[in-house]
Amino acid sequence: MSWGKFAASNPELAAYGETRLLAGVAYLATVRRDGAPRVHPVTPIIGAGRLFIFMEPTSRKGDDLRRDGRYALHCAVEDNHGGDGEFYVYGTALPITDAQTRAIAAEASNHPPKERYVLFELGVDSAFSNLYTEDGNTFTMWKAEDAR
């Protein structure tokens, strides 16, 4: 499911997620060839109702995603007390090669991508937030099945 469909299904969680993911570096987990997890810092891009990441064409994360598109993306957390909370999104990544979609992602990006960069769109299967308060944690979870 696209980020836009997720946002239409749960606008509050998507708005929170967008704020958290675009606040700085996020962490992308992929599946290595041997099945082990691999974690990478990335700069997510949200635009035109879609979630994207650009990367170097030689990146191991790109190899992982082309072989097995499953991913998890987690926002950075500002401090040891949870900062403004956590946001996770899970789904399947697809390599994007068409110029029109690349232009959409590049326009939405806060850093101009180099021509050599490859692009992936991250589909959204589920999302989760964890907010830390004086009274405890507040969890919100959403799954694509919720939208159907």
Foldseek 3Di string as FASTA:
>chain_A
DFQQLVCVLPVVLSVVVVCQLQVDWKKKWFAAPVRDIDIDTFRWFDFPRWIKTKDAPPDRRVVRQVVFFWMKIKGDADDPQRHAWIKMFIAGKDWDDDPVVVVRRQVRDPDHDDPRITMIIGDGAKMKIWGQDPVGIDIDIDGPVSSD
